N, C-alpha and C. Protein backbone atom coordinates (compact mmCIF):
# COMPACT_ATOMS: atom_id res chain seq x y z
N LYS A 1 15.15 -5.88 -24.21
CA LYS A 1 13.94 -5.96 -23.20
C LYS A 1 14.22 -7.23 -22.54
N ILE A 2 13.71 -7.11 -21.12
CA ILE A 2 13.60 -8.28 -19.99
C ILE A 2 12.24 -8.44 -19.62
N LEU A 3 12.31 -9.95 -19.92
CA LEU A 3 10.81 -10.95 -19.43
C LEU A 3 11.37 -11.50 -18.46
N LEU A 4 10.77 -11.16 -16.94
CA LEU A 4 11.19 -12.05 -16.00
C LEU A 4 10.37 -12.89 -15.46
N PHE A 5 9.88 -13.75 -15.24
CA PHE A 5 9.03 -14.96 -15.62
C PHE A 5 9.12 -15.26 -13.62
N ASN A 6 8.31 -15.01 -13.17
CA ASN A 6 8.52 -14.98 -11.93
C ASN A 6 7.31 -16.15 -11.25
N ASN A 7 7.72 -17.07 -10.68
CA ASN A 7 6.99 -18.26 -10.32
C ASN A 7 7.00 -18.70 -8.92
N ARG A 8 7.45 -17.52 -8.15
CA ARG A 8 8.58 -18.24 -7.04
C ARG A 8 8.91 -19.53 -6.49
N ILE A 9 9.60 -19.91 -7.03
CA ILE A 9 10.15 -21.12 -7.01
C ILE A 9 11.02 -21.33 -8.09
N TYR A 10 12.59 -21.73 -7.46
CA TYR A 10 13.53 -22.39 -8.85
C TYR A 10 12.96 -23.90 -9.41
N GLY A 11 11.77 -23.82 -10.35
CA GLY A 11 11.27 -25.08 -11.09
C GLY A 11 12.14 -25.94 -11.62
N LEU A 12 13.06 -25.18 -12.59
CA LEU A 12 13.79 -26.09 -13.53
C LEU A 12 14.92 -26.89 -12.57
N THR A 13 15.47 -26.99 -11.38
CA THR A 13 15.93 -27.26 -11.09
C THR A 13 15.63 -27.97 -9.70
N LYS A 14 14.20 -28.31 -10.28
CA LYS A 14 13.76 -28.87 -9.05
C LYS A 14 13.02 -28.61 -8.09
N GLY A 15 12.67 -27.66 -7.55
CA GLY A 15 11.70 -26.88 -6.62
C GLY A 15 12.21 -26.30 -5.26
N GLN A 16 13.44 -25.63 -5.94
CA GLN A 16 14.40 -25.27 -4.42
C GLN A 16 13.35 -23.61 -4.10
N TYR A 17 13.74 -23.26 -3.30
CA TYR A 17 12.92 -21.84 -3.03
C TYR A 17 13.68 -20.75 -3.50
N SER A 18 13.26 -19.42 -4.24
CA SER A 18 14.12 -18.67 -4.76
C SER A 18 14.10 -17.39 -4.37
N PRO A 19 14.86 -16.23 -4.84
CA PRO A 19 14.69 -14.71 -4.09
C PRO A 19 13.26 -14.77 -4.18
N THR A 20 12.26 -14.76 -4.53
CA THR A 20 11.09 -13.95 -4.68
C THR A 20 9.76 -15.19 -3.90
N SER A 21 10.88 -16.52 -3.39
CA SER A 21 9.61 -17.29 -2.88
C SER A 21 9.01 -16.89 -1.40
N GLU A 22 8.07 -16.82 -1.00
CA GLU A 22 7.59 -16.56 0.35
C GLU A 22 8.18 -16.65 1.64
N ARG A 23 8.59 -15.82 2.89
CA ARG A 23 8.97 -16.48 3.77
C ARG A 23 8.40 -17.68 4.19
N GLY A 24 9.09 -19.08 5.00
CA GLY A 24 8.37 -19.70 5.19
C GLY A 24 8.18 -20.79 4.46
N LYS A 25 8.73 -20.95 2.98
CA LYS A 25 8.01 -21.73 1.98
C LYS A 25 9.27 -22.66 2.10
N VAL A 26 8.60 -24.15 2.61
CA VAL A 26 8.98 -25.09 2.43
C VAL A 26 9.66 -25.56 1.28
N THR A 27 10.65 -26.28 0.96
CA THR A 27 11.13 -26.60 -0.25
C THR A 27 12.36 -27.95 -0.05
N LYS A 28 13.15 -28.44 -1.18
CA LYS A 28 14.33 -29.17 -0.84
C LYS A 28 15.27 -28.73 -0.10
N SER A 29 15.31 -27.26 -0.49
CA SER A 29 15.86 -26.47 -0.62
C SER A 29 15.91 -25.67 1.09
N SER A 30 15.18 -25.90 1.35
CA SER A 30 14.86 -25.04 2.76
C SER A 30 13.35 -25.64 3.52
N PRO A 31 13.81 -26.64 3.81
CA PRO A 31 13.20 -27.98 4.85
C PRO A 31 12.07 -27.25 6.03
N MET A 32 13.10 -26.28 6.81
CA MET A 32 12.36 -25.75 7.68
C MET A 32 11.79 -24.31 6.95
N GLY A 33 11.58 -24.08 6.24
CA GLY A 33 11.00 -22.70 5.49
C GLY A 33 11.87 -22.05 4.70
N SER A 34 11.54 -21.16 4.31
CA SER A 34 12.89 -20.33 3.60
C SER A 34 12.41 -18.63 4.97
N VAL A 35 13.85 -18.31 5.29
CA VAL A 35 13.76 -17.56 6.10
C VAL A 35 13.81 -15.97 5.49
N ASP A 36 14.07 -15.72 4.50
CA ASP A 36 14.22 -14.62 3.56
C ASP A 36 13.15 -14.30 3.20
N HIS A 37 13.38 -12.57 3.59
CA HIS A 37 12.11 -12.03 2.72
C HIS A 37 12.25 -11.73 0.95
N PRO A 38 10.86 -11.66 0.72
CA PRO A 38 11.05 -12.26 -1.02
C PRO A 38 11.51 -10.66 -1.57
N PHE A 39 11.93 -11.00 -2.49
CA PHE A 39 12.65 -9.67 -3.64
C PHE A 39 11.52 -9.33 -4.21
N ASN A 40 11.83 -8.06 -4.67
CA ASN A 40 10.85 -7.17 -4.88
C ASN A 40 11.58 -7.26 -6.70
N PRO A 41 11.05 -7.35 -7.79
CA PRO A 41 12.12 -7.23 -9.13
C PRO A 41 11.82 -5.68 -9.57
N VAL A 42 10.03 -5.60 -9.71
CA VAL A 42 9.62 -4.28 -9.60
C VAL A 42 10.52 -3.17 -8.79
N ALA A 43 10.61 -3.33 -7.73
CA ALA A 43 10.96 -2.18 -6.88
C ALA A 43 12.67 -1.95 -7.44
N LEU A 44 13.48 -2.74 -7.78
CA LEU A 44 14.73 -2.62 -7.70
C LEU A 44 14.85 -2.00 -9.04
N ALA A 45 14.42 -2.51 -9.99
CA ALA A 45 15.03 -1.90 -11.40
C ALA A 45 14.01 -0.30 -11.09
N LEU A 46 12.67 0.04 -10.34
CA LEU A 46 12.63 1.35 -10.27
C LEU A 46 13.64 2.27 -9.56
N GLY A 47 14.28 1.44 -8.33
CA GLY A 47 14.96 2.14 -7.99
C GLY A 47 16.36 1.88 -8.81
N ALA A 48 16.55 1.61 -9.85
CA ALA A 48 17.84 1.89 -11.01
C ALA A 48 17.40 2.80 -11.76
N ASP A 49 16.32 3.86 -11.40
CA ASP A 49 16.17 4.50 -12.53
C ASP A 49 15.47 3.93 -13.81
N ALA A 50 14.88 2.74 -13.83
CA ALA A 50 14.57 2.49 -15.09
C ALA A 50 13.47 3.07 -15.92
N THR A 51 13.95 3.02 -17.31
CA THR A 51 13.08 3.74 -17.69
C THR A 51 11.37 3.25 -18.29
N PHE A 52 11.36 1.71 -18.27
CA PHE A 52 10.14 1.14 -18.54
C PHE A 52 10.21 -0.18 -17.52
N VAL A 53 8.87 0.04 -16.63
CA VAL A 53 8.85 -0.93 -15.94
C VAL A 53 7.29 -1.68 -15.88
N ALA A 54 6.91 -2.67 -16.02
CA ALA A 54 5.51 -2.98 -15.98
C ALA A 54 5.75 -4.86 -15.03
N ARG A 55 4.41 -4.81 -14.79
CA ARG A 55 4.01 -6.20 -14.34
C ARG A 55 2.94 -6.57 -14.68
N THR A 56 3.01 -8.13 -14.86
CA THR A 56 1.19 -8.76 -15.32
C THR A 56 1.37 -10.20 -15.07
N VAL A 57 -0.28 -10.70 -14.91
CA VAL A 57 -0.12 -12.28 -14.65
C VAL A 57 -0.53 -13.20 -16.17
N ASP A 58 0.26 -13.85 -16.19
CA ASP A 58 0.50 -14.90 -17.15
C ASP A 58 -1.03 -15.39 -17.22
N SER A 59 -1.94 -15.64 -16.11
CA SER A 59 -3.15 -16.20 -17.27
C SER A 59 -4.29 -14.69 -17.20
N ASN A 60 -4.02 -13.57 -17.38
CA ASN A 60 -4.66 -12.49 -17.81
C ASN A 60 -4.07 -12.16 -19.12
N ARG A 61 -4.55 -13.26 -20.51
CA ARG A 61 -3.77 -12.77 -21.52
C ARG A 61 -3.82 -11.36 -21.91
N ALA A 62 -4.77 -10.84 -22.32
CA ALA A 62 -5.21 -9.35 -22.59
C ALA A 62 -4.05 -8.57 -22.39
N HIS A 63 -4.49 -8.85 -20.53
CA HIS A 63 -3.17 -7.69 -20.15
C HIS A 63 -1.59 -8.03 -20.21
N LEU A 64 -1.38 -9.41 -20.02
CA LEU A 64 0.15 -10.03 -21.22
C LEU A 64 0.01 -9.40 -22.06
N SER A 65 -0.09 -9.65 -23.17
CA SER A 65 -0.13 -9.08 -24.36
C SER A 65 0.36 -7.40 -24.44
N GLU A 66 -1.06 -6.92 -23.68
CA GLU A 66 -0.97 -5.11 -23.89
C GLU A 66 0.40 -4.84 -23.24
N MET A 67 0.78 -5.52 -22.00
CA MET A 67 2.32 -5.37 -21.66
C MET A 67 3.49 -5.56 -22.27
N LEU A 68 3.41 -6.74 -22.79
CA LEU A 68 4.25 -7.08 -23.82
C LEU A 68 4.89 -6.00 -25.27
N LYS A 69 3.49 -5.88 -25.33
CA LYS A 69 3.50 -4.60 -26.54
C LYS A 69 3.97 -3.46 -26.29
N ALA A 70 3.47 -2.79 -25.33
CA ALA A 70 4.10 -1.66 -25.07
C ALA A 70 5.71 -1.49 -24.21
N ALA A 71 5.64 -2.92 -24.01
CA ALA A 71 7.44 -2.94 -23.63
C ALA A 71 8.43 -3.26 -25.15
N ALA A 72 7.94 -3.69 -25.86
CA ALA A 72 8.64 -3.84 -27.10
C ALA A 72 8.49 -2.42 -28.07
N ASN A 73 7.57 -1.78 -27.68
CA ASN A 73 7.53 -0.17 -28.69
C ASN A 73 8.51 0.87 -27.53
N HIS A 74 8.60 0.22 -26.68
CA HIS A 74 9.54 0.97 -25.46
C HIS A 74 10.68 1.34 -26.29
N ARG A 75 11.27 2.60 -26.66
CA ARG A 75 12.36 2.80 -26.96
C ARG A 75 13.62 2.65 -25.78
N GLY A 76 14.43 1.64 -25.88
CA GLY A 76 15.20 1.47 -25.11
C GLY A 76 15.29 0.28 -24.03
N ALA A 77 15.75 0.23 -22.46
CA ALA A 77 15.82 -1.19 -22.11
C ALA A 77 14.41 -1.15 -21.31
N SER A 78 13.78 -2.13 -21.27
CA SER A 78 12.34 -2.64 -20.60
C SER A 78 12.42 -3.61 -20.01
N LEU A 79 11.74 -3.76 -18.48
CA LEU A 79 11.47 -4.68 -17.77
C LEU A 79 10.07 -5.22 -17.78
N VAL A 80 9.29 -6.99 -17.61
CA VAL A 80 8.52 -7.01 -17.16
C VAL A 80 8.73 -7.69 -16.98
N GLU A 81 7.85 -8.17 -15.45
CA GLU A 81 7.64 -8.91 -14.69
C GLU A 81 6.84 -9.89 -15.28
N VAL A 82 6.81 -11.08 -15.37
CA VAL A 82 4.72 -11.65 -15.30
C VAL A 82 5.02 -12.57 -14.20
N TYR A 83 4.37 -12.79 -13.33
CA TYR A 83 4.09 -13.64 -12.47
C TYR A 83 3.14 -14.50 -13.18
N GLN A 84 3.93 -15.90 -12.98
CA GLN A 84 3.48 -17.21 -13.90
C GLN A 84 3.29 -17.91 -12.71
N ASN A 85 2.66 -19.64 -12.95
CA ASN A 85 2.17 -20.61 -11.83
C ASN A 85 3.23 -21.36 -12.44
N CYS A 86 3.80 -22.24 -11.35
CA CYS A 86 4.43 -23.09 -11.55
C CYS A 86 3.64 -24.11 -11.28
N VAL A 87 3.21 -25.29 -12.23
CA VAL A 87 2.11 -26.51 -12.03
C VAL A 87 2.70 -27.54 -10.97
N ILE A 88 4.27 -27.96 -11.27
CA ILE A 88 4.69 -29.21 -10.71
C ILE A 88 5.08 -28.82 -9.63
N PHE A 89 6.07 -27.35 -9.22
CA PHE A 89 6.46 -27.08 -8.11
C PHE A 89 6.22 -25.85 -6.99
N ASN A 90 4.95 -24.93 -7.60
CA ASN A 90 4.68 -23.98 -7.30
C ASN A 90 2.90 -23.91 -7.36
N ASP A 91 2.45 -24.73 -7.38
CA ASP A 91 1.27 -24.90 -8.03
C ASP A 91 0.25 -23.82 -7.27
N GLY A 92 -0.33 -22.96 -7.90
CA GLY A 92 -1.16 -22.00 -7.25
C GLY A 92 -0.21 -20.95 -6.22
N ALA A 93 0.54 -20.52 -6.72
CA ALA A 93 1.41 -19.39 -6.03
C ALA A 93 0.75 -18.45 -5.89
N TYR A 94 -0.27 -18.14 -7.26
CA TYR A 94 -0.90 -16.90 -7.57
C TYR A 94 -2.33 -16.42 -7.28
N ASP A 95 -2.51 -17.76 -6.69
CA ASP A 95 -3.98 -17.92 -6.33
C ASP A 95 -4.40 -17.13 -4.84
N PRO A 96 -3.94 -16.43 -3.87
CA PRO A 96 -4.17 -15.88 -2.73
C PRO A 96 -4.40 -14.15 -3.63
N LEU A 97 -3.61 -13.95 -4.77
CA LEU A 97 -3.83 -12.63 -5.06
C LEU A 97 -4.87 -12.90 -6.14
N LYS A 98 -5.14 -13.38 -6.77
CA LYS A 98 -6.74 -13.70 -7.71
C LYS A 98 -8.12 -13.85 -6.83
N ALA A 99 -7.58 -14.63 -5.80
CA ALA A 99 -9.12 -14.93 -4.96
C ALA A 99 -9.02 -13.40 -4.35
N SER A 100 -8.53 -13.11 -3.70
CA SER A 100 -8.46 -11.27 -2.86
C SER A 100 -9.04 -10.38 -3.56
N ASN A 101 -8.80 -10.04 -5.05
CA ASN A 101 -8.82 -9.29 -5.90
C ASN A 101 -8.61 -8.26 -5.61
N GLY A 102 -6.91 -8.28 -5.45
CA GLY A 102 -5.87 -7.57 -4.60
C GLY A 102 -4.77 -7.13 -5.85
N MET A 103 -5.66 -7.12 -7.11
CA MET A 103 -4.34 -6.66 -8.45
C MET A 103 -4.76 -5.66 -8.54
N ILE A 104 -4.41 -4.49 -7.76
CA ILE A 104 -4.10 -3.38 -8.31
C ILE A 104 -3.87 -2.40 -9.64
N LYS A 105 -4.73 -2.39 -10.38
CA LYS A 105 -4.48 -2.32 -12.26
C LYS A 105 -4.42 -0.67 -12.15
N LEU A 106 -2.78 -0.66 -13.01
CA LEU A 106 -2.11 0.80 -13.06
C LEU A 106 -2.46 1.27 -14.58
N VAL A 107 -3.28 2.28 -14.58
CA VAL A 107 -3.66 2.42 -15.98
C VAL A 107 -3.18 4.31 -15.78
N HIS A 108 -2.12 4.55 -16.85
CA HIS A 108 -1.85 5.90 -16.57
C HIS A 108 -3.07 6.86 -17.12
N GLY A 109 -3.13 7.89 -16.26
CA GLY A 109 -4.04 9.04 -16.03
C GLY A 109 -5.53 8.69 -15.83
N GLU A 110 -5.57 7.23 -15.27
CA GLU A 110 -7.08 7.09 -14.27
C GLU A 110 -6.50 6.94 -12.68
N PRO A 111 -7.55 6.73 -12.17
CA PRO A 111 -7.39 6.51 -10.47
C PRO A 111 -7.19 5.64 -10.17
N ILE A 112 -6.27 4.94 -9.11
CA ILE A 112 -6.06 3.82 -9.00
C ILE A 112 -6.84 3.24 -7.80
N VAL A 113 -7.47 2.23 -8.55
CA VAL A 113 -8.61 1.70 -7.95
C VAL A 113 -8.82 0.00 -8.12
N PHE A 114 -9.02 -0.90 -7.06
CA PHE A 114 -9.05 -1.92 -7.27
C PHE A 114 -10.30 -2.70 -6.72
N GLY A 115 -10.55 -3.98 -6.39
CA GLY A 115 -10.97 -4.89 -5.76
C GLY A 115 -12.29 -4.98 -6.20
N GLU A 116 -13.66 -6.01 -5.62
CA GLU A 116 -14.81 -5.48 -5.86
C GLU A 116 -15.44 -5.06 -6.04
N ASP A 117 -16.14 -4.11 -7.52
CA ASP A 117 -16.61 -2.98 -8.05
C ASP A 117 -15.77 -2.01 -7.91
N ASN A 118 -14.52 -2.29 -8.05
CA ASN A 118 -13.40 -0.51 -7.63
C ASN A 118 -13.97 0.09 -6.17
N SER A 119 -14.20 -0.83 -5.55
CA SER A 119 -14.23 -0.01 -4.13
C SER A 119 -13.31 0.41 -3.47
N MET A 120 -12.05 -0.39 -3.65
CA MET A 120 -10.70 0.01 -2.77
C MET A 120 -9.74 1.05 -3.89
N GLY A 121 -9.40 1.86 -3.40
CA GLY A 121 -8.47 2.92 -3.79
C GLY A 121 -7.13 3.39 -2.72
N VAL A 122 -5.86 3.71 -3.84
CA VAL A 122 -4.80 4.55 -3.21
C VAL A 122 -5.02 5.55 -3.21
N ALA A 123 -4.15 6.01 -1.25
CA ALA A 123 -4.39 7.25 -1.52
C ALA A 123 -2.84 7.91 -1.10
N ARG A 124 -2.68 9.14 -0.25
CA ARG A 124 -1.48 9.58 0.59
C ARG A 124 -2.19 9.79 2.04
N ASP A 125 -0.99 9.27 3.05
CA ASP A 125 -1.43 9.68 4.20
C ASP A 125 -0.65 10.84 4.43
N ALA A 126 -0.67 11.19 5.77
CA ALA A 126 -0.28 12.70 6.29
C ALA A 126 1.55 12.88 6.12
N GLU A 127 1.77 11.93 5.93
CA GLU A 127 3.77 12.07 5.69
C GLU A 127 3.76 12.12 4.30
N GLY A 128 3.04 11.38 3.60
CA GLY A 128 3.03 10.91 1.92
C GLY A 128 3.44 9.98 1.82
N ASN A 129 3.04 8.86 2.39
CA ASN A 129 3.48 7.38 2.19
C ASN A 129 2.06 6.71 1.21
N LEU A 130 1.92 5.97 0.73
CA LEU A 130 0.63 5.33 -0.09
C LEU A 130 0.31 4.54 0.86
N TYR A 131 -0.70 4.35 0.76
CA TYR A 131 -2.27 3.24 1.78
C TYR A 131 -2.94 2.87 0.49
N THR A 132 -3.40 1.70 0.90
CA THR A 132 -4.86 1.24 0.39
C THR A 132 -5.82 1.55 1.50
N ALA A 133 -7.41 1.78 0.85
CA ALA A 133 -8.52 1.80 1.82
C ALA A 133 -9.35 1.80 1.02
N LEU A 134 -10.70 1.55 1.72
CA LEU A 134 -11.86 1.59 0.59
C LEU A 134 -11.85 3.30 0.41
N VAL A 135 -12.61 3.38 -0.72
CA VAL A 135 -12.99 4.38 -1.55
C VAL A 135 -13.89 5.54 -0.50
N SER A 136 -14.25 4.90 -0.02
CA SER A 136 -15.52 5.32 0.63
C SER A 136 -15.39 6.02 1.53
N GLU A 137 -13.70 5.49 3.01
CA GLU A 137 -13.13 6.04 3.85
C GLU A 137 -12.29 7.19 3.31
N ILE A 138 -11.72 7.02 2.46
CA ILE A 138 -10.63 8.07 2.11
C ILE A 138 -11.07 9.21 0.89
N GLY A 139 -12.24 8.85 0.58
CA GLY A 139 -12.79 9.81 -0.55
C GLY A 139 -12.71 9.93 -1.89
N ALA A 140 -13.65 9.71 -3.25
CA ALA A 140 -12.64 9.56 -4.25
C ALA A 140 -12.07 10.42 -4.79
N GLU A 141 -12.03 12.20 -4.08
CA GLU A 141 -11.25 13.32 -4.78
C GLU A 141 -10.09 12.86 -3.89
N ASN A 142 -9.41 11.58 -3.06
CA ASN A 142 -8.24 11.47 -2.97
C ASN A 142 -8.22 10.22 -3.00
N VAL A 143 -8.56 9.57 -4.20
CA VAL A 143 -7.70 9.04 -4.36
C VAL A 143 -6.79 9.17 -5.57
N LEU A 144 -5.55 8.54 -5.62
CA LEU A 144 -4.38 9.11 -6.63
C LEU A 144 -4.51 8.44 -8.06
N VAL A 145 -4.39 9.32 -8.84
CA VAL A 145 -4.43 9.49 -10.40
C VAL A 145 -3.20 8.63 -10.96
N HIS A 146 -2.70 7.78 -11.70
CA HIS A 146 -1.77 6.98 -12.05
C HIS A 146 -0.44 7.88 -12.82
N ASP A 147 0.58 8.02 -12.52
CA ASP A 147 1.21 8.93 -14.04
C ASP A 147 2.44 7.84 -13.91
N ALA A 148 2.36 7.14 -15.18
CA ALA A 148 3.64 6.27 -15.55
C ALA A 148 4.69 7.22 -16.25
N HIS A 149 4.09 8.44 -16.60
CA HIS A 149 5.33 9.10 -17.40
C HIS A 149 6.04 9.89 -16.54
N ALA A 150 6.03 10.18 -15.38
CA ALA A 150 6.69 11.17 -14.47
C ALA A 150 7.96 10.62 -14.86
N GLU A 151 8.89 11.94 -14.53
CA GLU A 151 10.09 11.82 -14.52
C GLU A 151 10.95 11.08 -13.34
N ASN A 152 10.14 11.61 -11.96
CA ASN A 152 10.76 11.22 -11.05
C ASN A 152 10.20 9.57 -10.86
N PRO A 153 10.98 8.28 -10.69
CA PRO A 153 10.45 7.61 -10.29
C PRO A 153 10.02 7.31 -8.94
N GLY A 154 9.84 8.44 -7.97
CA GLY A 154 9.51 7.88 -6.99
C GLY A 154 8.00 7.42 -6.35
N PHE A 155 7.58 7.72 -7.34
CA PHE A 155 6.01 7.74 -7.15
C PHE A 155 5.52 5.80 -7.60
N ALA A 156 6.39 5.56 -8.51
CA ALA A 156 6.58 4.02 -9.32
C ALA A 156 6.47 3.18 -8.07
N PHE A 157 7.98 3.72 -7.43
CA PHE A 157 8.57 2.91 -6.26
C PHE A 157 7.83 2.80 -5.27
N ALA A 158 7.15 3.56 -5.14
CA ALA A 158 6.04 3.56 -3.88
C ALA A 158 4.93 2.92 -4.13
N LEU A 159 4.89 3.04 -5.31
CA LEU A 159 3.47 1.73 -5.92
C LEU A 159 4.10 0.40 -5.69
N ALA A 160 5.21 0.50 -5.89
CA ALA A 160 5.73 -0.87 -5.98
C ALA A 160 6.02 -1.64 -4.60
N GLN A 161 6.03 -0.64 -3.83
CA GLN A 161 6.03 -0.98 -2.35
C GLN A 161 4.58 -1.45 -1.75
N LEU A 162 3.47 -1.46 -2.51
CA LEU A 162 2.21 -1.50 -2.14
C LEU A 162 2.37 -3.55 -2.30
N THR A 163 3.01 -3.74 -2.69
CA THR A 163 3.24 -5.20 -3.66
C THR A 163 3.25 -6.14 -1.87
N ASP A 164 2.29 -7.30 -1.67
CA ASP A 164 2.58 -8.03 -0.57
C ASP A 164 2.96 -8.65 -0.79
N THR A 165 4.84 -8.72 -0.73
CA THR A 165 5.71 -10.04 -1.33
C THR A 165 5.55 -11.22 -0.76
N ASN A 166 5.18 -11.45 0.32
CA ASN A 166 5.23 -12.96 1.33
C ASN A 166 3.94 -13.45 1.18
N ARG A 167 2.31 -12.87 1.42
CA ARG A 167 1.74 -13.53 1.57
C ARG A 167 0.89 -13.20 -0.30
N LEU A 168 1.23 -11.76 -0.69
CA LEU A 168 1.01 -11.86 -2.05
C LEU A 168 -0.84 -11.81 -2.40
N GLU A 169 -1.30 -10.98 -1.62
CA GLU A 169 -2.98 -11.04 -1.55
C GLU A 169 -3.00 -9.73 -2.35
N ARG A 170 -2.30 -8.98 -2.70
CA ARG A 170 -2.23 -7.64 -3.25
C ARG A 170 -1.01 -7.16 -4.28
N ALA A 171 -1.17 -6.81 -5.18
CA ALA A 171 0.26 -6.66 -5.85
C ALA A 171 -0.79 -5.44 -7.08
N PRO A 172 0.54 -4.22 -7.60
CA PRO A 172 -0.02 -3.61 -8.50
C PRO A 172 0.61 -4.18 -9.81
N ILE A 173 -0.61 -4.25 -11.08
CA ILE A 173 -0.02 -4.84 -12.08
C ILE A 173 -0.30 -3.64 -13.16
N GLY A 174 0.35 -3.78 -14.52
CA GLY A 174 0.58 -2.42 -15.03
C GLY A 174 1.83 -1.72 -15.30
N ILE A 175 1.42 -0.76 -16.06
CA ILE A 175 2.78 -0.43 -16.41
C ILE A 175 3.45 0.97 -15.61
N PHE A 176 4.39 0.31 -14.42
CA PHE A 176 4.50 1.18 -13.26
C PHE A 176 5.82 2.98 -14.01
N ARG A 177 6.04 2.33 -14.55
CA ARG A 177 6.89 3.82 -15.32
C ARG A 177 7.11 3.67 -16.66
N ASP A 178 6.77 4.79 -17.88
CA ASP A 178 7.24 4.57 -19.04
C ASP A 178 8.05 6.02 -19.36
N VAL A 179 8.98 6.47 -19.37
CA VAL A 179 9.51 7.87 -19.71
C VAL A 179 10.33 7.67 -20.92
N GLU A 180 10.23 8.37 -21.94
CA GLU A 180 11.33 9.09 -22.48
C GLU A 180 12.52 9.08 -22.07
N ARG A 181 13.94 8.61 -22.79
CA ARG A 181 15.03 9.26 -22.25
C ARG A 181 15.90 8.66 -23.79
N PRO A 182 17.24 9.78 -24.18
CA PRO A 182 18.01 9.14 -25.01
C PRO A 182 18.55 7.71 -24.62
N VAL A 183 18.77 7.19 -25.70
CA VAL A 183 18.94 6.01 -25.55
C VAL A 183 20.90 5.67 -26.03
N TYR A 184 21.25 4.65 -25.21
CA TYR A 184 22.68 4.26 -26.04
C TYR A 184 22.97 4.79 -27.03
N ASP A 185 22.38 3.44 -28.37
CA ASP A 185 22.73 3.63 -29.29
C ASP A 185 22.46 4.99 -30.02
N ASP A 186 21.94 5.57 -29.84
CA ASP A 186 21.35 7.21 -30.09
C ASP A 186 22.63 7.77 -30.04
N LEU A 187 23.14 8.00 -29.10
CA LEU A 187 23.89 9.11 -28.26
C LEU A 187 25.00 8.65 -28.57
N ALA A 188 25.31 7.35 -29.04
CA ALA A 188 26.74 6.59 -29.38
C ALA A 188 26.87 7.06 -31.07
N ARG A 189 25.65 6.88 -31.88
CA ARG A 189 25.82 7.14 -33.18
C ARG A 189 26.00 8.72 -33.27
N ALA A 190 25.79 9.45 -32.74
CA ALA A 190 25.69 11.16 -32.54
C ALA A 190 26.93 11.50 -32.17
N GLN A 191 27.47 10.52 -31.51
CA GLN A 191 29.24 10.88 -31.12
C GLN A 191 29.92 10.53 -31.87
C-alpha cells in the first residue's frame, strides 16, 4: 500500500521545490521560480497499469477515510495520493482547488459532475478526448459515468489528465481505478 503525501514542496528539507510544485514556484532551491512542469503521480501509476489508484484531500476526513479503507481492502498493490497542506513551507497550496469547487468527485457507476450544484460535467469531444463544461451546454445525457472497474486503464488515465497540475484549480478525487488481478503472492504459492 503506497500513500503518497503530496504537499507540492520538499518540506522536510526546509522548503525546496519538488516534482509536484507548480511552475514558477519560488523557493530556496528555485529563487527565480521552478521551470519544471508539475509531475502527476496518479497519471504515472495509471500509465504503469496499476490496479488500484486513488486521490484524496487531507482536509476532507470522510473522503480520506473512505479512500484509505478501499486501498487497504484492495488485494494487491495500491496507490493513494493525498493532497496535504504544508503549513510551514507551502501553506494554502490547495486553496485554489477548494475555492474553485474544482474537485471532480469520482464515484464508480455515477455521472462525473462537480462544481456548485453539480453544474459542471465531464464529456468526450468528437476526437474522444475528455473535457469539462457546464452540464447545460453538453447535455446531461452526454455526461460520462465513471467506471473504476474498467479493465483498460485508458479512461482512468484520461481522467487523471483533467488535473490542472500548475494552478491546481481542478482535479479529480476518488478512486480512478480498482480492478482485480492475480497478485504475485498467490501466483507464487500456486506455483
